[in-house]
Amino acid sequence: MQKSTAAVIVSDPEIMGGKPVFRGTRVPLQNLIDHLENSTFEEFLEGFPGVSREMAVAALEEANRTDLLRRIGTTFPRPQ
C-alpha cells in the first residue's frame, strides 16, 4: 500500500524499506536534506538527475509546511 505525503514524495514499504522517496525514483528525501547540509542545491540536482528541480523545490516546500504545522499545531482557532 502506497502512502503519499506530498505530490512528489511517496513512502512505500516495497521501495527503500518505506523511506520517503521522490516519486518514480529510489532517491530518498533524506539525500536532499543531507546535500543541503554539506553542499549546494545544484550539486544535489547534478548528482541525482532523476529528480527535477521542480520536484526538489516542491519537496522542500512541503517539508517546510509540515514543520510549520508541527510547531504551531495542526488545528487553527476558528474565527468568532
PDB file of N, CA and C in Angstrom:
ATOM      1  N   MET A   1       0.839  -1.175   0.000  1.00  0.00           N
ATOM      2  CA  MET A   1       0.000   0.000   0.000  1.00  0.00           C
ATOM      3  C   MET A   1       0.885   1.239   0.000  1.00  0.00           C
ATOM      4  N   GLN A   2       0.654   2.131  -0.916  1.00  0.00           N
ATOM      5  CA  GLN A   2       1.471   3.324  -1.054  1.00  0.00           C
ATOM      6  C   GLN A   2       0.826   4.471  -0.295  1.00  0.00           C
ATOM      7  N   LYS A   3       1.629   5.185   0.465  1.00  0.00           N
ATOM      8  CA  LYS A   3       1.150   6.342   1.215  1.00  0.00           C
ATOM      9  C   LYS A   3       1.849   7.576   0.680  1.00  0.00           C
ATOM     10  N   SER A   4       1.092   8.572   0.287  1.00  0.00           N
ATOM     11  CA  SER A   4       1.672   9.803  -0.238  1.00  0.00           C
ATOM     12  C   SER A   4       1.714  10.859   0.854  1.00  0.00           C
ATOM     13  N   THR A   5       2.870  11.490   1.041  1.00  0.00           N
ATOM     14  CA  THR A   5       2.981  12.585   1.996  1.00  0.00           C
ATOM     15  C   THR A   5       3.024  13.917   1.265  1.00  0.00           C
ATOM     16  N   ALA A   6       3.253  13.894   0.005  1.00  0.00           N
ATOM     17  CA  ALA A   6       3.259  15.082  -0.837  1.00  0.00           C
ATOM     18  C   ALA A   6       3.161  14.599  -2.273  1.00  0.00           C
ATOM     19  N   ALA A   7       2.850  15.492  -3.189  1.00  0.00           N
ATOM     20  CA  ALA A   7       2.704  15.096  -4.577  1.00  0.00           C
ATOM     21  C   ALA A   7       3.973  14.451  -5.123  1.00  0.00           C
ATOM     22  N   VAL A   8       5.115  14.861  -4.663  1.00  0.00           N
ATOM     23  CA  VAL A   8       6.364  14.338  -5.215  1.00  0.00           C
ATOM     24  C   VAL A   8       7.070  13.347  -4.301  1.00  0.00           C
ATOM     25  N   ILE A   9       6.628  13.238  -3.064  1.00  0.00           N
ATOM     26  CA  ILE A   9       7.262  12.324  -2.114  1.00  0.00           C
ATOM     27  C   ILE A   9       6.296  11.203  -1.775  1.00  0.00           C
ATOM     28  N   VAL A  10       6.781   9.970  -1.865  1.00  0.00           N
ATOM     29  CA  VAL A  10       5.957   8.809  -1.536  1.00  0.00           C
ATOM     30  C   VAL A  10       6.705   7.905  -0.573  1.00  0.00           C
ATOM     31  N   SER A  11       5.940   7.126   0.154  1.00  0.00           N
ATOM     32  CA  SER A  11       6.508   6.151   1.071  1.00  0.00           C
ATOM     33  C   SER A  11       5.813   4.827   0.800  1.00  0.00           C
ATOM     34  N   ASP A  12       6.583   3.833   0.396  1.00  0.00           N
ATOM     35  CA  ASP A  12       6.055   2.518   0.051  1.00  0.00           C
ATOM     36  C   ASP A  12       6.974   1.476   0.663  1.00  0.00           C
ATOM     37  N   PRO A  13       6.438   0.556   1.466  1.00  0.00           N
ATOM     38  CA  PRO A  13       7.297  -0.441   2.099  1.00  0.00           C
ATOM     39  C   PRO A  13       8.102  -1.282   1.103  1.00  0.00           C
ATOM     40  N   GLU A  14       7.663  -1.333  -0.134  1.00  0.00           N
ATOM     41  CA  GLU A  14       8.369  -2.101  -1.164  1.00  0.00           C
ATOM     42  C   GLU A  14       9.525  -1.325  -1.797  1.00  0.00           C
ATOM     43  N   ILE A  15       9.603  -0.034  -1.508  1.00  0.00           N
ATOM     44  CA  ILE A  15      10.661   0.803  -2.085  1.00  0.00           C
ATOM     45  C   ILE A  15      11.496   1.377  -0.950  1.00  0.00           C
ATOM     46  N   MET A  16      12.767   1.038  -0.915  1.00  0.00           N
ATOM     47  CA  MET A  16      13.709   1.548   0.080  1.00  0.00           C
ATOM     48  C   MET A  16      13.195   1.352   1.507  1.00  0.00           C
ATOM     49  N   GLY A  17      12.500   0.248   1.728  1.00  0.00           N
ATOM     50  CA  GLY A  17      12.016  -0.075   3.070  1.00  0.00           C
ATOM     51  C   GLY A  17      11.015   0.919   3.631  1.00  0.00           C
ATOM     52  N   GLY A  18      10.341   1.658   2.758  1.00  0.00           N
ATOM     53  CA  GLY A  18       9.332   2.597   3.210  1.00  0.00           C
ATOM     54  C   GLY A  18       9.833   4.000   3.484  1.00  0.00           C
ATOM     55  N   LYS A  19      11.138   4.234   3.258  1.00  0.00           N
ATOM     56  CA  LYS A  19      11.661   5.592   3.448  1.00  0.00           C
ATOM     57  C   LYS A  19      10.988   6.526   2.439  1.00  0.00           C
ATOM     58  N   PRO A  20      10.744   7.770   2.811  1.00  0.00           N
ATOM     59  CA  PRO A  20      10.180   8.729   1.850  1.00  0.00           C
ATOM     60  C   PRO A  20      11.160   8.953   0.695  1.00  0.00           C
ATOM     61  N   VAL A  21      10.669   8.758  -0.525  1.00  0.00           N
ATOM     62  CA  VAL A  21      11.488   8.926  -1.725  1.00  0.00           C
ATOM     63  C   VAL A  21      10.764   9.825  -2.719  1.00  0.00           C
ATOM     64  N   PHE A  22      11.527  10.358  -3.662  1.00  0.00           N
ATOM     65  CA  PHE A  22      10.919  11.123  -4.745  1.00  0.00           C
ATOM     66  C   PHE A  22      10.158  10.161  -5.654  1.00  0.00           C
ATOM     67  N   ARG A  23       8.923  10.520  -5.965  1.00  0.00           N
ATOM     68  CA  ARG A  23       8.052   9.676  -6.788  1.00  0.00           C
ATOM     69  C   ARG A  23       8.759   9.261  -8.077  1.00  0.00           C
ATOM     70  N   GLY A  24       8.676   7.975  -8.381  1.00  0.00           N
ATOM     71  CA  GLY A  24       9.270   7.453  -9.611  1.00  0.00           C
ATOM     72  C   GLY A  24      10.761   7.193  -9.520  1.00  0.00           C
ATOM     73  N   THR A  25      11.339   7.365  -8.327  1.00  0.00           N
ATOM     74  CA  THR A  25      12.773   7.143  -8.145  1.00  0.00           C
ATOM     75  C   THR A  25      12.994   6.301  -6.891  1.00  0.00           C
ATOM     76  N   ARG A  26      14.248   6.007  -6.645  1.00  0.00           N
ATOM     77  CA  ARG A  26      14.650   5.382  -5.391  1.00  0.00           C
ATOM     78  C   ARG A  26      15.548   6.350  -4.607  1.00  0.00           C
ATOM     79  N   VAL A  27      15.357   7.637  -4.866  1.00  0.00           N
ATOM     80  CA  VAL A  27      16.157   8.680  -4.219  1.00  0.00           C
ATOM     81  C   VAL A  27      15.426   9.132  -2.951  1.00  0.00           C
ATOM     82  N   PRO A  28      15.989   8.827  -1.789  1.00  0.00           N
ATOM     83  CA  PRO A  28      15.344   9.251  -0.544  1.00  0.00           C
ATOM     84  C   PRO A  28      15.362  10.770  -0.374  1.00  0.00           C
ATOM     85  N   LEU A  29      14.306  11.286   0.211  1.00  0.00           N
ATOM     86  CA  LEU A  29      14.240  12.703   0.544  1.00  0.00           C
ATOM     87  C   LEU A  29      15.416  13.086   1.436  1.00  0.00           C
ATOM     88  N   GLN A  30      15.841  12.175   2.287  1.00  0.00           N
ATOM     89  CA  GLN A  30      16.963  12.451   3.199  1.00  0.00           C
ATOM     90  C   GLN A  30      18.224  12.814   2.422  1.00  0.00           C
ATOM     91  N   ASN A  31      18.398  12.281   1.213  1.00  0.00           N
ATOM     92  CA  ASN A  31      19.564  12.643   0.405  1.00  0.00           C
ATOM     93  C   ASN A  31      19.590  14.142   0.111  1.00  0.00           C
ATOM     94  N   LEU A  32      18.420  14.699  -0.179  1.00  0.00           N
ATOM     95  CA  LEU A  32      18.352  16.137  -0.434  1.00  0.00           C
ATOM     96  C   LEU A  32      18.710  16.909   0.835  1.00  0.00           C
ATOM     97  N   ILE A  33      18.148  16.509   1.960  1.00  0.00           N
ATOM     98  CA  ILE A  33      18.434  17.185   3.230  1.00  0.00           C
ATOM     99  C   ILE A  33      19.933  17.124   3.529  1.00  0.00           C
ATOM    100  N   ASP A  34      20.525  15.934   3.370  1.00  0.00           N
ATOM    101  CA  ASP A  34      21.958  15.766   3.634  1.00  0.00           C
ATOM    102  C   ASP A  34      22.801  16.639   2.711  1.00  0.00           C
ATOM    103  N   HIS A  35      22.423  16.687   1.433  1.00  0.00           N
ATOM    104  CA  HIS A  35      23.179  17.515   0.487  1.00  0.00           C
ATOM    105  C   HIS A  35      23.124  18.985   0.879  1.00  0.00           C
ATOM    106  N   LEU A  36      21.977  19.444   1.317  1.00  0.00           N
ATOM    107  CA  LEU A  36      21.848  20.858   1.667  1.00  0.00           C
ATOM    108  C   LEU A  36      22.663  21.210   2.905  1.00  0.00           C
ATOM    109  N   GLU A  37      22.936  20.234   3.747  1.00  0.00           N
ATOM    110  CA  GLU A  37      23.775  20.484   4.921  1.00  0.00           C
ATOM    111  C   GLU A  37      25.252  20.563   4.559  1.00  0.00           C
ATOM    112  N   ASN A  38      25.643  19.863   3.481  1.00  0.00           N
ATOM    113  CA  ASN A  38      27.070  19.736   3.163  1.00  0.00           C
ATOM    114  C   ASN A  38      27.489  20.293   1.810  1.00  0.00           C
ATOM    115  N   SER A  39      26.546  20.593   0.945  1.00  0.00           N
ATOM    116  CA  SER A  39      26.883  21.108  -0.379  1.00  0.00           C
ATOM    117  C   SER A  39      25.731  21.984  -0.873  1.00  0.00           C
ATOM    118  N   THR A  40      25.580  22.096  -2.170  1.00  0.00           N
ATOM    119  CA  THR A  40      24.569  23.009  -2.707  1.00  0.00           C
ATOM    120  C   THR A  40      23.403  22.265  -3.333  1.00  0.00           C
ATOM    121  N   PHE A  41      22.341  23.014  -3.519  1.00  0.00           N
ATOM    122  CA  PHE A  41      21.151  22.502  -4.193  1.00  0.00           C
ATOM    123  C   PHE A  41      21.507  22.037  -5.604  1.00  0.00           C
ATOM    124  N   GLU A  42      22.314  22.829  -6.291  1.00  0.00           N
ATOM    125  CA  GLU A  42      22.727  22.488  -7.662  1.00  0.00           C
ATOM    126  C   GLU A  42      23.509  21.174  -7.697  1.00  0.00           C
ATOM    127  N   GLU A  43      24.369  20.956  -6.718  1.00  0.00           N
ATOM    128  CA  GLU A  43      25.132  19.707  -6.673  1.00  0.00           C
ATOM    129  C   GLU A  43      24.209  18.513  -6.441  1.00  0.00           C
ATOM    130  N   PHE A  44      23.171  18.711  -5.639  1.00  0.00           N
ATOM    131  CA  PHE A  44      22.195  17.635  -5.465  1.00  0.00           C
ATOM    132  C   PHE A  44      21.553  17.296  -6.806  1.00  0.00           C
ATOM    133  N   LEU A  45      21.094  18.315  -7.523  1.00  0.00           N
ATOM    134  CA  LEU A  45      20.432  18.084  -8.813  1.00  0.00           C
ATOM    135  C   LEU A  45      21.370  17.407  -9.814  1.00  0.00           C
ATOM    136  N   GLU A  46      22.635  17.780  -9.803  1.00  0.00           N
ATOM    137  CA  GLU A  46      23.606  17.149 -10.705  1.00  0.00           C
ATOM    138  C   GLU A  46      23.834  15.688 -10.319  1.00  0.00           C
ATOM    139  N   GLY A  47      23.859  15.408  -9.024  1.00  0.00           N
ATOM    140  CA  GLY A  47      24.119  14.051  -8.546  1.00  0.00           C
ATOM    141  C   GLY A  47      22.930  13.116  -8.668  1.00  0.00           C
ATOM    142  N   PHE A  48      21.723  13.672  -8.768  1.00  0.00           N
ATOM    143  CA  PHE A  48      20.506  12.862  -8.845  1.00  0.00           C
ATOM    144  C   PHE A  48      19.645  13.358 -10.009  1.00  0.00           C
ATOM    145  N   PRO A  49      20.059  13.053 -11.235  1.00  0.00           N
ATOM    146  CA  PRO A  49      19.354  13.581 -12.405  1.00  0.00           C
ATOM    147  C   PRO A  49      17.905  13.100 -12.538  1.00  0.00           C
ATOM    148  N   GLY A  50      17.527  12.063 -11.818  1.00  0.00           N
ATOM    149  CA  GLY A  50      16.143  11.587 -11.852  1.00  0.00           C
ATOM    150  C   GLY A  50      15.189  12.475 -11.076  1.00  0.00           C
ATOM    151  N   VAL A  51      15.746  13.404 -10.309  1.00  0.00           N
ATOM    152  CA  VAL A  51      14.937  14.341  -9.523  1.00  0.00           C
ATOM    153  C   VAL A  51      15.019  15.705 -10.203  1.00  0.00           C
ATOM    154  N   SER A  52      13.884  16.205 -10.642  1.00  0.00           N
ATOM    155  CA  SER A  52      13.882  17.510 -11.304  1.00  0.00           C
ATOM    156  C   SER A  52      13.945  18.632 -10.265  1.00  0.00           C
ATOM    157  N   ARG A  53      14.312  19.792 -10.736  1.00  0.00           N
ATOM    158  CA  ARG A  53      14.336  20.980  -9.877  1.00  0.00           C
ATOM    159  C   ARG A  53      12.953  21.199  -9.258  1.00  0.00           C
ATOM    160  N   GLU A  54      11.906  21.048 -10.057  1.00  0.00           N
ATOM    161  CA  GLU A  54      10.547  21.264  -9.572  1.00  0.00           C
ATOM    162  C   GLU A  54      10.195  20.273  -8.464  1.00  0.00           C
ATOM    163  N   MET A  55      10.608  19.019  -8.623  1.00  0.00           N
ATOM    164  CA  MET A  55      10.344  18.009  -7.604  1.00  0.00           C
ATOM    165  C   MET A  55      11.053  18.371  -6.298  1.00  0.00           C
ATOM    166  N   ALA A  56      12.307  18.767  -6.392  1.00  0.00           N
ATOM    167  CA  ALA A  56      13.090  19.093  -5.198  1.00  0.00           C
ATOM    168  C   ALA A  56      12.516  20.312  -4.483  1.00  0.00           C
ATOM    169  N   VAL A  57      12.141  21.328  -5.240  1.00  0.00           N
ATOM    170  CA  VAL A  57      11.562  22.531  -4.638  1.00  0.00           C
ATOM    171  C   VAL A  57      10.236  22.191  -3.967  1.00  0.00           C
ATOM    172  N   ALA A  58       9.394  21.409  -4.641  1.00  0.00           N
ATOM    173  CA  ALA A  58       8.102  21.027  -4.063  1.00  0.00           C
ATOM    174  C   ALA A  58       8.299  20.230  -2.775  1.00  0.00           C
ATOM    175  N   ALA A  59       9.290  19.357  -2.746  1.00  0.00           N
ATOM    176  CA  ALA A  59       9.563  18.564  -1.542  1.00  0.00           C
ATOM    177  C   ALA A  59       9.995  19.462  -0.395  1.00  0.00           C
ATOM    178  N   LEU A  60      10.846  20.439  -0.677  1.00  0.00           N
ATOM    179  CA  LEU A  60      11.295  21.361   0.367  1.00  0.00           C
ATOM    180  C   LEU A  60      10.140  22.222   0.875  1.00  0.00           C
ATOM    181  N   GLU A  61       9.273  22.650  -0.040  1.00  0.00           N
ATOM    182  CA  GLU A  61       8.117  23.443   0.378  1.00  0.00           C
ATOM    183  C   GLU A  61       7.195  22.621   1.273  1.00  0.00           C
ATOM    184  N   GLU A  62       6.962  21.367   0.912  1.00  0.00           N
ATOM    185  CA  GLU A  62       6.108  20.502   1.722  1.00  0.00           C
ATOM    186  C   GLU A  62       6.745  20.224   3.080  1.00  0.00           C
ATOM    187  N   ALA A  63       8.037  19.989   3.106  1.00  0.00           N
ATOM    188  CA  ALA A  63       8.733  19.750   4.378  1.00  0.00           C
ATOM    189  C   ALA A  63       8.646  20.983   5.264  1.00  0.00           C
ATOM    190  N   ASN A  64       8.790  22.149   4.679  1.00  0.00           N
ATOM    191  CA  ASN A  64       8.693  23.395   5.433  1.00  0.00           C
ATOM    192  C   ASN A  64       7.285  23.575   5.988  1.00  0.00           C
ATOM    193  N   ARG A  65       6.274  23.317   5.183  1.00  0.00           N
ATOM    194  CA  ARG A  65       4.878  23.445   5.605  1.00  0.00           C
ATOM    195  C   ARG A  65       4.574  22.456   6.734  1.00  0.00           C
ATOM    196  N   THR A  66       5.050  21.233   6.597  1.00  0.00           N
ATOM    197  CA  THR A  66       4.829  20.206   7.610  1.00  0.00           C
ATOM    198  C   THR A  66       5.498  20.593   8.918  1.00  0.00           C
ATOM    199  N   ASP A  67       6.719  21.115   8.839  1.00  0.00           N
ATOM    200  CA  ASP A  67       7.431  21.532  10.037  1.00  0.00           C
ATOM    201  C   ASP A  67       6.704  22.691  10.718  1.00  0.00           C
ATOM    202  N   LEU A  68       6.219  23.635   9.935  1.00  0.00           N
ATOM    203  CA  LEU A  68       5.489  24.764  10.498  1.00  0.00           C
ATOM    204  C   LEU A  68       4.231  24.279  11.213  1.00  0.00           C
ATOM    205  N   LEU A  69       3.476  23.400  10.582  1.00  0.00           N
ATOM    206  CA  LEU A  69       2.259  22.882  11.208  1.00  0.00           C
ATOM    207  C   LEU A  69       2.576  22.110  12.475  1.00  0.00           C
ATOM    208  N   ARG A  70       3.671  21.383  12.469  1.00  0.00           N
ATOM    209  CA  ARG A  70       4.068  20.628  13.656  1.00  0.00           C
ATOM    210  C   ARG A  70       4.393  21.584  14.803  1.00  0.00           C
ATOM    211  N   ARG A  71       5.065  22.692  14.482  1.00  0.00           N
ATOM    212  CA  ARG A  71       5.459  23.641  15.527  1.00  0.00           C
ATOM    213  C   ARG A  71       4.282  24.422  16.094  1.00  0.00           C
ATOM    214  N   ILE A  72       3.295  24.756  15.260  1.00  0.00           N
ATOM    215  CA  ILE A  72       2.179  25.562  15.755  1.00  0.00           C
ATOM    216  C   ILE A  72       0.950  24.714  16.084  1.00  0.00           C
ATOM    217  N   GLY A  73       0.978  23.452  15.748  1.00  0.00           N
ATOM    218  CA  GLY A  73      -0.184  22.590  15.954  1.00  0.00           C
ATOM    219  C   GLY A  73      -0.959  22.474  14.664  1.00  0.00           C
ATOM    220  N   THR A  74      -1.700  21.417  14.527  1.00  0.00           N
ATOM    221  CA  THR A  74      -2.405  21.177  13.259  1.00  0.00           C
ATOM    222  C   THR A  74      -3.804  21.739  13.251  1.00  0.00           C
ATOM    223  N   THR A  75      -4.251  22.312  14.348  1.00  0.00           N
ATOM    224  CA  THR A  75      -5.574  22.921  14.342  1.00  0.00           C
ATOM    225  C   THR A  75      -5.426  24.424  14.516  1.00  0.00           C
ATOM    226  N   PHE A  76      -6.271  25.140  13.861  1.00  0.00           N
ATOM    227  CA  PHE A  76      -6.248  26.581  13.927  1.00  0.00           C
ATOM    228  C   PHE A  76      -7.517  27.049  14.621  1.00  0.00           C
ATOM    229  N   PRO A  77      -7.437  28.157  15.374  1.00  0.00           N
ATOM    230  CA  PRO A  77      -8.655  28.663  16.012  1.00  0.00           C
ATOM    231  C   PRO A  77      -9.670  29.085  14.971  1.00  0.00           C
ATOM    232  N   ARG A  78     -10.900  28.827  15.248  1.00  0.00           N
ATOM    233  CA  ARG A  78     -11.979  29.228  14.338  1.00  0.00           C
ATOM    234  C   ARG A  78     -12.325  30.690  14.575  1.00  0.00           C
ATOM    235  N   PRO A  79     -12.591  31.433  13.501  1.00  0.00           N
ATOM    236  CA  PRO A  79     -12.995  32.838  13.689  1.00  0.00           C
ATOM    237  C   PRO A  79     -14.309  32.903  14.457  1.00  0.00           C
ATOM    238  N   GLN A  80     -14.461  33.899  15.280  1.00  0.00           N
ATOM    239  CA  GLN A  80     -15.688  34.050  16.076  1.00  0.00           C
ATOM    240  C   GLN A  80     -16.627  35.014  15.413  1.00  0.00           C
TER     241      GLN A  80
END
